[in-house]
Amino acid sequence: QVQLVESGGGLVQAGGSLRLSCAASGRTFDRNFMGWFRQAPGKEREFVAYIRWSGASTYYTDSVKGRFTISRDNAKNTVYLQMNSLKPDDTAVYYCGAGYGTYSASRYDYWGQGTQVTVPS
């Protein structure tokens, strides 16, 4: 079992920044990939970024490249998503997932409860 708890969401003006955190506990070593996904109202959950607990491998969806940075702190079992230059299109509930990777939600079998990010237009 893996437990994930997200935090750090909120309301921010366009161009602003937020940092999301995902604290993991349990058998985290069983799931090497940690991913951030987001889901806007009426839309499917979409991939944002992933990172591996081991190594330095990261990957981003095109729409966030150069604006978002995923990182990890293995000692704290925490994964972060630094979001800069936020746009109204980034508005969504952001979910942290643990699984076998990579950018398909079906490859992640543990999820947090989600944290809302709102960027007014």
PDB file of N, CA and C in Angstrom:
ATOM      1  N   GLN A   1       0.836  -1.199   0.000  1.00  0.00           N
ATOM      2  CA  GLN A   1       0.000   0.000   0.000  1.00  0.00           C
ATOM      3  C   GLN A   1       0.869   1.245   0.000  1.00  0.00           C
ATOM      4  N   VAL A   2       0.424   2.247  -0.735  1.00  0.00           N
ATOM      5  CA  VAL A   2       1.082   3.548  -0.784  1.00  0.00           C
ATOM      6  C   VAL A   2       0.029   4.604  -0.502  1.00  0.00           C
ATOM      7  N   GLN A   3       0.349   5.539   0.371  1.00  0.00           N
ATOM      8  CA  GLN A   3      -0.553   6.648   0.655  1.00  0.00           C
ATOM      9  C   GLN A   3       0.088   7.938   0.134  1.00  0.00           C
ATOM     10  N   LEU A   4      -0.738   8.753  -0.510  1.00  0.00           N
ATOM     11  CA  LEU A   4      -0.269  10.004  -1.094  1.00  0.00           C
ATOM     12  C   LEU A   4      -1.144  11.152  -0.614  1.00  0.00           C
ATOM     13  N   VAL A   5      -0.509  12.244  -0.213  1.00  0.00           N
ATOM     14  CA  VAL A   5      -1.251  13.417   0.250  1.00  0.00           C
ATOM     15  C   VAL A   5      -0.686  14.646  -0.454  1.00  0.00           C
ATOM     16  N   GLU A   6      -1.533  15.294  -1.252  1.00  0.00           N
ATOM     17  CA  GLU A   6      -1.122  16.507  -1.961  1.00  0.00           C
ATOM     18  C   GLU A   6      -1.446  17.741  -1.131  1.00  0.00           C
ATOM     19  N   SER A   7      -0.689  18.785  -1.382  1.00  0.00           N
ATOM     20  CA  SER A   7      -0.958  20.083  -0.754  1.00  0.00           C
ATOM     21  C   SER A   7      -0.357  21.168  -1.634  1.00  0.00           C
ATOM     22  N   GLY A   8      -0.736  22.405  -1.355  1.00  0.00           N
ATOM     23  CA  GLY A   8      -0.121  23.539  -2.033  1.00  0.00           C
ATOM     24  C   GLY A   8      -0.965  24.215  -3.087  1.00  0.00           C
ATOM     25  N   GLY A   9      -2.144  23.688  -3.363  1.00  0.00           N
ATOM     26  CA  GLY A   9      -2.986  24.331  -4.352  1.00  0.00           C
ATOM     27  C   GLY A   9      -3.567  25.637  -3.840  1.00  0.00           C
ATOM     28  N   GLY A  10      -4.236  26.358  -4.739  1.00  0.00           N
ATOM     29  CA  GLY A  10      -4.845  27.617  -4.337  1.00  0.00           C
ATOM     30  C   GLY A  10      -5.246  28.448  -5.519  1.00  0.00           C
ATOM     31  N   LEU A  11      -5.585  29.700  -5.231  1.00  0.00           N
ATOM     32  CA  LEU A  11      -5.970  30.675  -6.250  1.00  0.00           C
ATOM     33  C   LEU A  11      -4.782  31.587  -6.510  1.00  0.00           C
ATOM     34  N   VAL A  12      -4.397  31.712  -7.764  1.00  0.00           N
ATOM     35  CA  VAL A  12      -3.258  32.566  -8.111  1.00  0.00           C
ATOM     36  C   VAL A  12      -3.557  33.279  -9.413  1.00  0.00           C
ATOM     37  N   GLN A  13      -3.120  34.512  -9.530  1.00  0.00           N
ATOM     38  CA  GLN A  13      -3.344  35.280 -10.750  1.00  0.00           C
ATOM     39  C   GLN A  13      -2.461  34.766 -11.880  1.00  0.00           C
ATOM     40  N   ALA A  14      -2.903  35.005 -13.084  1.00  0.00           N
ATOM     41  CA  ALA A  14      -2.126  34.606 -14.252  1.00  0.00           C
ATOM     42  C   ALA A  14      -0.720  35.202 -14.181  1.00  0.00           C
ATOM     43  N   GLY A  15       0.256  34.367 -14.491  1.00  0.00           N
ATOM     44  CA  GLY A  15       1.648  34.779 -14.388  1.00  0.00           C
ATOM     45  C   GLY A  15       2.294  34.454 -13.058  1.00  0.00           C
ATOM     46  N   GLY A  16       1.487  34.048 -12.094  1.00  0.00           N
ATOM     47  CA  GLY A  16       1.995  33.731 -10.766  1.00  0.00           C
ATOM     48  C   GLY A  16       2.535  32.322 -10.662  1.00  0.00           C
ATOM     49  N   SER A  17       2.910  31.956  -9.434  1.00  0.00           N
ATOM     50  CA  SER A  17       3.543  30.662  -9.188  1.00  0.00           C
ATOM     51  C   SER A  17       2.891  29.950  -8.007  1.00  0.00           C
ATOM     52  N   LEU A  18       2.961  28.629  -8.036  1.00  0.00           N
ATOM     53  CA  LEU A  18       2.567  27.781  -6.923  1.00  0.00           C
ATOM     54  C   LEU A  18       3.512  26.592  -6.879  1.00  0.00           C
ATOM     55  N   ARG A  19       3.681  26.024  -5.697  1.00  0.00           N
ATOM     56  CA  ARG A  19       4.425  24.786  -5.571  1.00  0.00           C
ATOM     57  C   ARG A  19       3.550  23.743  -4.904  1.00  0.00           C
ATOM     58  N   LEU A  20       3.293  22.669  -5.621  1.00  0.00           N
ATOM     59  CA  LEU A  20       2.522  21.565  -5.080  1.00  0.00           C
ATOM     60  C   LEU A  20       3.468  20.546  -4.452  1.00  0.00           C
ATOM     61  N   SER A  21       2.997  19.927  -3.378  1.00  0.00           N
ATOM     62  CA  SER A  21       3.760  18.872  -2.715  1.00  0.00           C
ATOM     63  C   SER A  21       2.941  17.597  -2.682  1.00  0.00           C
ATOM     64  N   CYS A  22       3.627  16.470  -2.748  1.00  0.00           N
ATOM     65  CA  CYS A  22       2.980  15.164  -2.644  1.00  0.00           C
ATOM     66  C   CYS A  22       3.808  14.328  -1.679  1.00  0.00           C
ATOM     67  N   ALA A  23       3.273  14.143  -0.475  1.00  0.00           N
ATOM     68  CA  ALA A  23       3.964  13.351   0.545  1.00  0.00           C
ATOM     69  C   ALA A  23       3.536  11.893   0.418  1.00  0.00           C
ATOM     70  N   ALA A  24       4.502  11.022   0.252  1.00  0.00           N
ATOM     71  CA  ALA A  24       4.229   9.598   0.069  1.00  0.00           C
ATOM     72  C   ALA A  24       4.625   8.814   1.305  1.00  0.00           C
ATOM     73  N   SER A  25       3.841   7.798   1.623  1.00  0.00           N
ATOM     74  CA  SER A  25       4.175   6.909   2.734  1.00  0.00           C
ATOM     75  C   SER A  25       3.776   5.484   2.356  1.00  0.00           C
ATOM     76  N   GLY A  26       4.274   4.542   3.114  1.00  0.00           N
ATOM     77  CA  GLY A  26       3.989   3.146   2.810  1.00  0.00           C
ATOM     78  C   GLY A  26       5.069   2.544   1.925  1.00  0.00           C
ATOM     79  N   ARG A  27       4.709   1.588   1.115  1.00  0.00           N
ATOM     80  CA  ARG A  27       5.661   0.839   0.294  1.00  0.00           C
ATOM     81  C   ARG A  27       6.009   1.603  -0.988  1.00  0.00           C
ATOM     82  N   THR A  28       6.550   2.791  -0.797  1.00  0.00           N
ATOM     83  CA  THR A  28       6.849   3.639  -1.954  1.00  0.00           C
ATOM     84  C   THR A  28       7.893   3.011  -2.870  1.00  0.00           C
ATOM     85  N   PHE A  29       8.747   2.150  -2.327  1.00  0.00           N
ATOM     86  CA  PHE A  29       9.793   1.553  -3.145  1.00  0.00           C
ATOM     87  C   PHE A  29       9.225   0.572  -4.168  1.00  0.00           C
ATOM     88  N   ASP A  30       7.958   0.203  -3.982  1.00  0.00           N
ATOM     89  CA  ASP A  30       7.312  -0.696  -4.944  1.00  0.00           C
ATOM     90  C   ASP A  30       6.903   0.016  -6.224  1.00  0.00           C
ATOM     91  N   ARG A  31       6.851   1.354  -6.157  1.00  0.00           N
ATOM     92  CA  ARG A  31       6.365   2.130  -7.311  1.00  0.00           C
ATOM     93  C   ARG A  31       7.425   3.164  -7.656  1.00  0.00           C
ATOM     94  N   ASN A  32       8.155   2.962  -8.713  1.00  0.00           N
ATOM     95  CA  ASN A  32       9.305   3.823  -9.017  1.00  0.00           C
ATOM     96  C   ASN A  32       8.921   5.146  -9.659  1.00  0.00           C
ATOM     97  N   PHE A  33       7.747   5.222 -10.276  1.00  0.00           N
ATOM     98  CA  PHE A  33       7.348   6.444 -10.964  1.00  0.00           C
ATOM     99  C   PHE A  33       6.363   7.242 -10.116  1.00  0.00           C
ATOM    100  N   MET A  34       6.622   8.521 -10.014  1.00  0.00           N
ATOM    101  CA  MET A  34       5.704   9.466  -9.375  1.00  0.00           C
ATOM    102  C   MET A  34       5.276  10.478 -10.434  1.00  0.00           C
ATOM    103  N   GLY A  35       3.984  10.594 -10.610  1.00  0.00           N
ATOM    104  CA  GLY A  35       3.484  11.487 -11.647  1.00  0.00           C
ATOM    105  C   GLY A  35       2.512  12.516 -11.120  1.00  0.00           C
ATOM    106  N   TRP A  36       2.474  13.635 -11.808  1.00  0.00           N
ATOM    107  CA  TRP A  36       1.436  14.647 -11.569  1.00  0.00           C
ATOM    108  C   TRP A  36       0.497  14.637 -12.771  1.00  0.00           C
ATOM    109  N   PHE A  37      -0.775  14.607 -12.474  1.00  0.00           N
ATOM    110  CA  PHE A  37      -1.825  14.673 -13.473  1.00  0.00           C
ATOM    111  C   PHE A  37      -2.778  15.788 -13.067  1.00  0.00           C
ATOM    112  N   ARG A  38      -3.616  16.212 -13.996  1.00  0.00           N
ATOM    113  CA  ARG A  38      -4.614  17.213 -13.675  1.00  0.00           C
ATOM    114  C   ARG A  38      -5.905  16.916 -14.407  1.00  0.00           C
ATOM    115  N   GLN A  39      -6.986  17.382 -13.817  1.00  0.00           N
ATOM    116  CA  GLN A  39      -8.300  17.163 -14.402  1.00  0.00           C
ATOM    117  C   GLN A  39      -9.131  18.420 -14.267  1.00  0.00           C
ATOM    118  N   ALA A  40      -9.493  18.988 -15.395  1.00  0.00           N
ATOM    119  CA  ALA A  40     -10.363  20.162 -15.427  1.00  0.00           C
ATOM    120  C   ALA A  40     -11.811  19.695 -15.533  1.00  0.00           C
ATOM    121  N   PRO A  41     -12.766  20.537 -15.135  1.00  0.00           N
ATOM    122  CA  PRO A  41     -14.175  20.147 -15.194  1.00  0.00           C
ATOM    123  C   PRO A  41     -14.576  19.702 -16.595  1.00  0.00           C
ATOM    124  N   GLY A  42     -15.222  18.541 -16.682  1.00  0.00           N
ATOM    125  CA  GLY A  42     -15.708  18.050 -17.958  1.00  0.00           C
ATOM    126  C   GLY A  42     -14.651  17.435 -18.856  1.00  0.00           C
ATOM    127  N   LYS A  43     -13.423  17.340 -18.350  1.00  0.00           N
ATOM    128  CA  LYS A  43     -12.340  16.789 -19.157  1.00  0.00           C
ATOM    129  C   LYS A  43     -11.746  15.564 -18.490  1.00  0.00           C
ATOM    130  N   GLU A  44     -11.024  14.781 -19.272  1.00  0.00           N
ATOM    131  CA  GLU A  44     -10.363  13.608 -18.733  1.00  0.00           C
ATOM    132  C   GLU A  44      -9.096  14.016 -17.977  1.00  0.00           C
ATOM    133  N   ARG A  45      -8.657  13.119 -17.093  1.00  0.00           N
ATOM    134  CA  ARG A  45      -7.411  13.359 -16.379  1.00  0.00           C
ATOM    135  C   ARG A  45      -6.263  13.321 -17.379  1.00  0.00           C
ATOM    136  N   GLU A  46      -5.391  14.327 -17.326  1.00  0.00           N
ATOM    137  CA  GLU A  46      -4.303  14.395 -18.273  1.00  0.00           C
ATOM    138  C   GLU A  46      -2.958  14.442 -17.565  1.00  0.00           C
ATOM    139  N   PHE A  47      -1.962  13.874 -18.226  1.00  0.00           N
ATOM    140  CA  PHE A  47      -0.615  13.817 -17.703  1.00  0.00           C
ATOM    141  C   PHE A  47       0.016  15.209 -17.690  1.00  0.00           C
ATOM    142  N   VAL A  48       0.788  15.496 -16.631  1.00  0.00           N
ATOM    143  CA  VAL A  48       1.521  16.756 -16.535  1.00  0.00           C
ATOM    144  C   VAL A  48       3.024  16.489 -16.533  1.00  0.00           C
ATOM    145  N   ALA A  49       3.488  15.642 -15.589  1.00  0.00           N
ATOM    146  CA  ALA A  49       4.926  15.378 -15.466  1.00  0.00           C
ATOM    147  C   ALA A  49       5.137  14.121 -14.648  1.00  0.00           C
ATOM    148  N   TYR A  50       6.306  13.482 -14.846  1.00  0.00           N
ATOM    149  CA  TYR A  50       6.674  12.377 -13.972  1.00  0.00           C
ATOM    150  C   TYR A  50       8.141  12.455 -13.606  1.00  0.00           C
ATOM    151  N   ILE A  51       8.475  11.789 -12.523  1.00  0.00           N
ATOM    152  CA  ILE A  51       9.846  11.662 -12.072  1.00  0.00           C
ATOM    153  C   ILE A  51      10.003  10.278 -11.461  1.00  0.00           C
ATOM    154  N   ARG A  52      11.195   9.762 -11.505  1.00  0.00           N
ATOM    155  CA  ARG A  52      11.466   8.468 -10.908  1.00  0.00           C
ATOM    156  C   ARG A  52      12.167   8.661  -9.573  1.00  0.00           C
ATOM    157  N   TRP A  53      11.832   7.801  -8.598  1.00  0.00           N
ATOM    158  CA  TRP A  53      12.523   7.858  -7.323  1.00  0.00           C
ATOM    159  C   TRP A  53      14.016   7.607  -7.505  1.00  0.00           C
ATOM    160  N   SER A  54      14.364   6.731  -8.417  1.00  0.00           N
ATOM    161  CA  SER A  54      15.778   6.442  -8.676  1.00  0.00           C
ATOM    162  C   SER A  54      16.178   7.107  -9.977  1.00  0.00           C
ATOM    163  N   GLY A  55      17.365   7.648 -10.013  1.00  0.00           N
ATOM    164  CA  GLY A  55      17.814   8.303 -11.230  1.00  0.00           C
ATOM    165  C   GLY A  55      17.271   9.717 -11.351  1.00  0.00           C
ATOM    166  N   ALA A  56      17.494  10.361 -12.461  1.00  0.00           N
ATOM    167  CA  ALA A  56      17.111  11.748 -12.648  1.00  0.00           C
ATOM    168  C   ALA A  56      16.123  11.914 -13.793  1.00  0.00           C
ATOM    169  N   SER A  57      15.466  10.826 -14.163  1.00  0.00           N
ATOM    170  CA  SER A  57      14.581  10.872 -15.316  1.00  0.00           C
ATOM    171  C   SER A  57      13.314  11.653 -15.022  1.00  0.00           C
ATOM    172  N   THR A  58      13.034  12.655 -15.865  1.00  0.00           N
ATOM    173  CA  THR A  58      11.792  13.417 -15.773  1.00  0.00           C
ATOM    174  C   THR A  58      11.214  13.571 -17.169  1.00  0.00           C
ATOM    175  N   TYR A  59       9.934  13.867 -17.207  1.00  0.00           N
ATOM    176  CA  TYR A  59       9.260  14.062 -18.496  1.00  0.00           C
ATOM    177  C   TYR A  59       8.066  14.962 -18.270  1.00  0.00           C
ATOM    178  N   TYR A  60       7.796  15.847 -19.252  1.00  0.00           N
ATOM    179  CA  TYR A  60       6.705  16.823 -19.128  1.00  0.00           C
ATOM    180  C   TYR A  60       5.827  16.784 -20.367  1.00  0.00           C
ATOM    181  N   THR A  61       4.561  17.093 -20.167  1.00  0.00           N
ATOM    182  CA  THR A  61       3.723  17.318 -21.315  1.00  0.00           C
ATOM    183  C   THR A  61       4.120  18.646 -21.955  1.00  0.00           C
ATOM    184  N   ASP A  62       3.907  18.775 -23.257  1.00  0.00           N
ATOM    185  CA  ASP A  62       4.414  19.940 -23.986  1.00  0.00           C
ATOM    186  C   ASP A  62       3.888  21.266 -23.428  1.00  0.00           C
ATOM    187  N   SER A  63       2.657  21.294 -22.979  1.00  0.00           N
ATOM    188  CA  SER A  63       2.035  22.554 -22.578  1.00  0.00           C
ATOM    189  C   SER A  63       2.648  23.158 -21.315  1.00  0.00           C
ATOM    190  N   VAL A  64       3.433  22.372 -20.564  1.00  0.00           N
ATOM    191  CA  VAL A  64       4.018  22.899 -19.328  1.00  0.00           C
ATOM    192  C   VAL A  64       5.541  22.977 -19.388  1.00  0.00           C
ATOM    193  N   LYS A  65       6.135  22.495 -20.452  1.00  0.00           N
ATOM    194  CA  LYS A  65       7.600  22.527 -20.568  1.00  0.00           C
ATOM    195  C   LYS A  65       8.102  23.965 -20.476  1.00  0.00           C
ATOM    196  N   GLY A  66       9.146  24.168 -19.673  1.00  0.00           N
ATOM    197  CA  GLY A  66       9.702  25.491 -19.482  1.00  0.00           C
ATOM    198  C   GLY A  66       9.001  26.298 -18.413  1.00  0.00           C
ATOM    199  N   ARG A  67       7.842  25.849 -17.951  1.00  0.00           N
ATOM    200  CA  ARG A  67       7.104  26.565 -16.892  1.00  0.00           C
ATOM    201  C   ARG A  67       7.016  25.759 -15.595  1.00  0.00           C
ATOM    202  N   PHE A  68       6.882  24.445 -15.705  1.00  0.00           N
ATOM    203  CA  PHE A  68       6.739  23.575 -14.539  1.00  0.00           C
ATOM    204  C   PHE A  68       8.014  22.758 -14.346  1.00  0.00           C
ATOM    205  N   THR A  69       8.327  22.482 -13.090  1.00  0.00           N
ATOM    206  CA  THR A  69       9.477  21.637 -12.759  1.00  0.00           C
ATOM    207  C   THR A  69       9.072  20.624 -11.706  1.00  0.00           C
ATOM    208  N   ILE A  70       9.299  19.351 -12.004  1.00  0.00           N
ATOM    209  CA  ILE A  70       9.032  18.296 -11.037  1.00  0.00           C
ATOM    210  C   ILE A  70      10.351  17.922 -10.364  1.00  0.00           C
ATOM    211  N   SER A  71      10.289  17.705  -9.059  1.00  0.00           N
ATOM    212  CA  SER A  71      11.488  17.333  -8.318  1.00  0.00           C
ATOM    213  C   SER A  71      11.085  16.419  -7.170  1.00  0.00           C
ATOM    214  N   ARG A  72      12.084  15.868  -6.505  1.00  0.00           N
ATOM    215  CA  ARG A  72      11.790  14.945  -5.411  1.00  0.00           C
ATOM    216  C   ARG A  72      12.800  15.141  -4.297  1.00  0.00           C
ATOM    217  N   ASP A  73      12.400  14.781  -3.101  1.00  0.00           N
ATOM    218  CA  ASP A  73      13.268  14.738  -1.934  1.00  0.00           C
ATOM    219  C   ASP A  73      13.122  13.330  -1.370  1.00  0.00           C
ATOM    220  N   ASN A  74      14.064  12.466  -1.700  1.00  0.00           N
ATOM    221  CA  ASN A  74      13.939  11.062  -1.289  1.00  0.00           C
ATOM    222  C   ASN A  74      13.938  10.910   0.227  1.00  0.00           C
ATOM    223  N   ALA A  75      14.675  11.770   0.916  1.00  0.00           N
ATOM    224  CA  ALA A  75      14.733  11.672   2.376  1.00  0.00           C
ATOM    225  C   ALA A  75      13.376  11.968   3.006  1.00  0.00           C
ATOM    226  N   LYS A  76      12.599  12.825   2.360  1.00  0.00           N
ATOM    227  CA  LYS A  76      11.275  13.179   2.877  1.00  0.00           C
ATOM    228  C   LYS A  76      10.168  12.415   2.175  1.00  0.00           C
ATOM    229  N   ASN A  77      10.522  11.563   1.217  1.00  0.00           N
ATOM    230  CA  ASN A  77       9.505  10.844   0.433  1.00  0.00           C
ATOM    231  C   ASN A  77       8.463  11.809  -0.132  1.00  0.00           C
ATOM    232  N   THR A  78       8.940  12.903  -0.665  1.00  0.00           N
ATOM    233  CA  THR A  78       8.046  13.953  -1.160  1.00  0.00           C
ATOM    234  C   THR A  78       8.436  14.339  -2.575  1.00  0.00           C
ATOM    235  N   VAL A  79       7.422  14.521  -3.392  1.00  0.00           N
ATOM    236  CA  VAL A  79       7.594  14.986  -4.761  1.00  0.00           C
ATOM    237  C   VAL A  79       6.944  16.353  -4.887  1.00  0.00           C
ATOM    238  N   TYR A  80       7.584  17.232  -5.631  1.00  0.00           N
ATOM    239  CA  TYR A  80       7.101  18.603  -5.779  1.00  0.00           C
ATOM    240  C   TYR A  80       6.793  18.910  -7.245  1.00  0.00           C
ATOM    241  N   LEU A  81       5.910  19.866  -7.431  1.00  0.00           N
ATOM    242  CA  LEU A  81       5.664  20.413  -8.761  1.00  0.00           C
ATOM    243  C   LEU A  81       5.688  21.922  -8.639  1.00  0.00           C
ATOM    244  N   GLN A  82       6.783  22.531  -9.088  1.00  0.00           N
ATOM    245  CA  GLN A  82       6.900  23.983  -9.107  1.00  0.00           C
ATOM    246  C   GLN A  82       6.258  24.488 -10.391  1.00  0.00           C
ATOM    247  N   MET A  83       5.266  25.337 -10.242  1.00  0.00           N
ATOM    248  CA  MET A  83       4.522  25.838 -11.394  1.00  0.00           C
ATOM    249  C   MET A  83       4.710  27.343 -11.490  1.00  0.00           C
ATOM    250  N   ASN A  84       5.316  27.780 -12.557  1.00  0.00           N
ATOM    251  CA  ASN A  84       5.550  29.206 -12.805  1.00  0.00           C
ATOM    252  C   ASN A  84       4.783  29.664 -14.031  1.00  0.00           C
ATOM    253  N   SER A  85       4.643  30.950 -14.180  1.00  0.00           N
ATOM    254  CA  SER A  85       3.950  31.530 -15.343  1.00  0.00           C
ATOM    255  C   SER A  85       2.608  30.863 -15.576  1.00  0.00           C
ATOM    256  N   LEU A  86       1.843  30.748 -14.517  1.00  0.00           N
ATOM    257  CA  LEU A  86       0.572  30.038 -14.610  1.00  0.00           C
ATOM    258  C   LEU A  86      -0.411  30.754 -15.521  1.00  0.00           C
ATOM    259  N   LYS A  87      -1.222  29.948 -16.202  1.00  0.00           N
ATOM    260  CA  LYS A  87      -2.210  30.449 -17.149  1.00  0.00           C
ATOM    261  C   LYS A  87      -3.596  29.951 -16.737  1.00  0.00           C
ATOM    262  N   PRO A  88      -4.642  30.621 -17.204  1.00  0.00           N
ATOM    263  CA  PRO A  88      -5.994  30.132 -16.902  1.00  0.00           C
ATOM    264  C   PRO A  88      -6.204  28.676 -17.334  1.00  0.00           C
ATOM    265  N   ASP A  89      -5.565  28.252 -18.423  1.00  0.00           N
ATOM    266  CA  ASP A  89      -5.703  26.866 -18.891  1.00  0.00           C
ATOM    267  C   ASP A  89      -5.099  25.853 -17.924  1.00  0.00           C
ATOM    268  N   ASP A  90      -4.321  26.314 -16.955  1.00  0.00           N
ATOM    269  CA  ASP A  90      -3.756  25.405 -15.957  1.00  0.00           C
ATOM    270  C   ASP A  90      -4.748  25.108 -14.830  1.00  0.00           C
ATOM    271  N   THR A  91      -5.879  25.775 -14.839  1.00  0.00           N
ATOM    272  CA  THR A  91      -6.880  25.552 -13.806  1.00  0.00           C
ATOM    273  C   THR A  91      -7.383  24.110 -13.846  1.00  0.00           C
ATOM    274  N   ALA A  92      -7.277  23.416 -12.719  1.00  0.00           N
ATOM    275  CA  ALA A  92      -7.673  21.999 -12.649  1.00  0.00           C
ATOM    276  C   ALA A  92      -7.451  21.503 -11.227  1.00  0.00           C
ATOM    277  N   VAL A  93      -7.941  20.312 -10.977  1.00  0.00           N
ATOM    278  CA  VAL A  93      -7.539  19.587  -9.774  1.00  0.00           C
ATOM    279  C   VAL A  93      -6.292  18.788 -10.140  1.00  0.00           C
ATOM    280  N   TYR A  94      -5.254  18.968  -9.350  1.00  0.00           N
ATOM    281  CA  TYR A  94      -3.980  18.293  -9.607  1.00  0.00           C
ATOM    282  C   TYR A  94      -3.862  17.081  -8.689  1.00  0.00           C
ATOM    283  N   TYR A  95      -3.512  15.950  -9.300  1.00  0.00           N
ATOM    284  CA  TYR A  95      -3.393  14.685  -8.579  1.00  0.00           C
ATOM    285  C   TYR A  95      -1.969  14.160  -8.666  1.00  0.00           C
ATOM    286  N   CYS A  96      -1.529  13.597  -7.587  1.00  0.00           N
ATOM    287  CA  CYS A  96      -0.257  12.905  -7.548  1.00  0.00           C
ATOM    288  C   CYS A  96      -0.536  11.410  -7.635  1.00  0.00           C
ATOM    289  N   GLY A  97       0.244  10.710  -8.442  1.00  0.00           N
ATOM    290  CA  GLY A  97       0.073   9.273  -8.600  1.00  0.00           C
ATOM    291  C   GLY A  97       1.378   8.535  -8.429  1.00  0.00           C
ATOM    292  N   ALA A  98       1.292   7.298  -7.960  1.00  0.00           N
ATOM    293  CA  ALA A  98       2.456   6.420  -7.833  1.00  0.00           C
ATOM    294  C   ALA A  98       2.192   5.160  -8.632  1.00  0.00           C
ATOM    295  N   GLY A  99       3.170   4.745  -9.408  1.00  0.00           N
ATOM    296  CA  GLY A  99       2.945   3.551 -10.203  1.00  0.00           C
ATOM    297  C   GLY A  99       4.151   3.137 -10.996  1.00  0.00           C
ATOM    298  N   TYR A 100       3.870   2.473 -12.103  1.00  0.00           N
ATOM    299  CA  TYR A 100       4.922   1.922 -12.952  1.00  0.00           C
ATOM    300  C   TYR A 100       5.249   2.833 -14.130  1.00  0.00           C
ATOM    301  N   GLY A 101       4.662   4.039 -14.177  1.00  0.00           N
ATOM    302  CA  GLY A 101       4.929   5.012 -15.226  1.00  0.00           C
ATOM    303  C   GLY A 101       4.289   4.658 -16.548  1.00  0.00           C
ATOM    304  N   THR A 102       4.496   5.441 -17.565  1.00  0.00           N
ATOM    305  CA  THR A 102       5.164   6.683 -17.545  1.00  0.00           C
ATOM    306  C   THR A 102       4.198   7.848 -17.617  1.00  0.00           C
ATOM    307  N   TYR A 103       3.532   8.064 -18.779  1.00  0.00           N
ATOM    308  CA  TYR A 103       2.640   9.218 -18.901  1.00  0.00           C
ATOM    309  C   TYR A 103       1.181   8.807 -19.065  1.00  0.00           C
ATOM    310  N   SER A 104       0.898   7.528 -18.892  1.00  0.00           N
ATOM    311  CA  SER A 104      -0.477   7.034 -18.974  1.00  0.00           C
ATOM    312  C   SER A 104      -1.026   6.846 -17.578  1.00  0.00           C
ATOM    313  N   ALA A 105      -2.199   7.431 -17.328  1.00  0.00           N
ATOM    314  CA  ALA A 105      -2.805   7.306 -16.007  1.00  0.00           C
ATOM    315  C   ALA A 105      -3.055   5.853 -15.636  1.00  0.00           C
ATOM    316  N   SER A 106      -3.269   5.002 -16.625  1.00  0.00           N
ATOM    317  CA  SER A 106      -3.548   3.593 -16.343  1.00  0.00           C
ATOM    318  C   SER A 106      -2.348   2.870 -15.737  1.00  0.00           C
ATOM    319  N   ARG A 107      -1.171   3.471 -15.810  1.00  0.00           N
ATOM    320  CA  ARG A 107       0.039   2.868 -15.261  1.00  0.00           C
ATOM    321  C   ARG A 107       0.279   3.271 -13.806  1.00  0.00           C
ATOM    322  N   TYR A 108      -0.635   4.078 -13.266  1.00  0.00           N
ATOM    323  CA  TYR A 108      -0.523   4.524 -11.879  1.00  0.00           C
ATOM    324  C   TYR A 108      -1.694   3.930 -11.099  1.00  0.00           C
ATOM    325  N   ASP A 109      -1.376   3.279  -9.989  1.00  0.00           N
ATOM    326  CA  ASP A 109      -2.434   2.601  -9.244  1.00  0.00           C
ATOM    327  C   ASP A 109      -2.665   3.165  -7.849  1.00  0.00           C
ATOM    328  N   TYR A 110      -1.915   4.164  -7.462  1.00  0.00           N
ATOM    329  CA  TYR A 110      -2.185   4.861  -6.208  1.00  0.00           C
ATOM    330  C   TYR A 110      -2.312   6.353  -6.516  1.00  0.00           C
ATOM    331  N   TRP A 111      -3.307   6.980  -5.899  1.00  0.00           N
ATOM    332  CA  TRP A 111      -3.593   8.392  -6.158  1.00  0.00           C
ATOM    333  C   TRP A 111      -3.850   9.123  -4.851  1.00  0.00           C
ATOM    334  N   GLY A 112      -3.487  10.402  -4.863  1.00  0.00           N
ATOM    335  CA  GLY A 112      -3.863  11.252  -3.745  1.00  0.00           C
ATOM    336  C   GLY A 112      -5.273  11.782  -3.936  1.00  0.00           C
ATOM    337  N   GLN A 113      -5.683  12.635  -3.015  1.00  0.00           N
ATOM    338  CA  GLN A 113      -7.052  13.153  -3.031  1.00  0.00           C
ATOM    339  C   GLN A 113      -7.212  14.344  -3.968  1.00  0.00           C
ATOM    340  N   GLY A 114      -6.111  14.902  -4.416  1.00  0.00           N
ATOM    341  CA  GLY A 114      -6.160  16.039  -5.333  1.00  0.00           C
ATOM    342  C   GLY A 114      -6.095  17.373  -4.613  1.00  0.00           C
ATOM    343  N   THR A 115      -5.585  18.379  -5.318  1.00  0.00           N
ATOM    344  CA  THR A 115      -5.536  19.742  -4.787  1.00  0.00           C
ATOM    345  C   THR A 115      -5.911  20.691  -5.919  1.00  0.00           C
ATOM    346  N   GLN A 116      -6.785  21.647  -5.599  1.00  0.00           N
ATOM    347  CA  GLN A 116      -7.331  22.540  -6.621  1.00  0.00           C
ATOM    348  C   GLN A 116      -6.362  23.677  -6.912  1.00  0.00           C
ATOM    349  N   VAL A 117      -6.140  23.919  -8.188  1.00  0.00           N
ATOM    350  CA  VAL A 117      -5.382  25.082  -8.656  1.00  0.00           C
ATOM    351  C   VAL A 117      -6.314  25.905  -9.548  1.00  0.00           C
ATOM    352  N   THR A 118      -6.461  27.174  -9.209  1.00  0.00           N
ATOM    353  CA  THR A 118      -7.349  28.050  -9.961  1.00  0.00           C
ATOM    354  C   THR A 118      -6.586  29.285 -10.401  1.00  0.00           C
ATOM    355  N   VAL A 119      -6.614  29.523 -11.708  1.00  0.00           N
ATOM    356  CA  VAL A 119      -5.971  30.705 -12.292  1.00  0.00           C
ATOM    357  C   VAL A 119      -7.049  31.458 -13.052  1.00  0.00           C
ATOM    358  N   PRO A 120      -7.589  32.524 -12.486  1.00  0.00           N
ATOM    359  CA  PRO A 120      -8.695  33.241 -13.125  1.00  0.00           C
ATOM    360  C   PRO A 120      -8.253  33.894 -14.430  1.00  0.00           C
ATOM    361  N   SER A 121      -9.184  33.943 -15.370  1.00  0.00           N
ATOM    362  CA  SER A 121      -8.884  34.600 -16.651  1.00  0.00           C
ATOM    363  C   SER A 121      -9.200  36.076 -16.571  1.00  0.00           C
TER     364      SER A 121
END
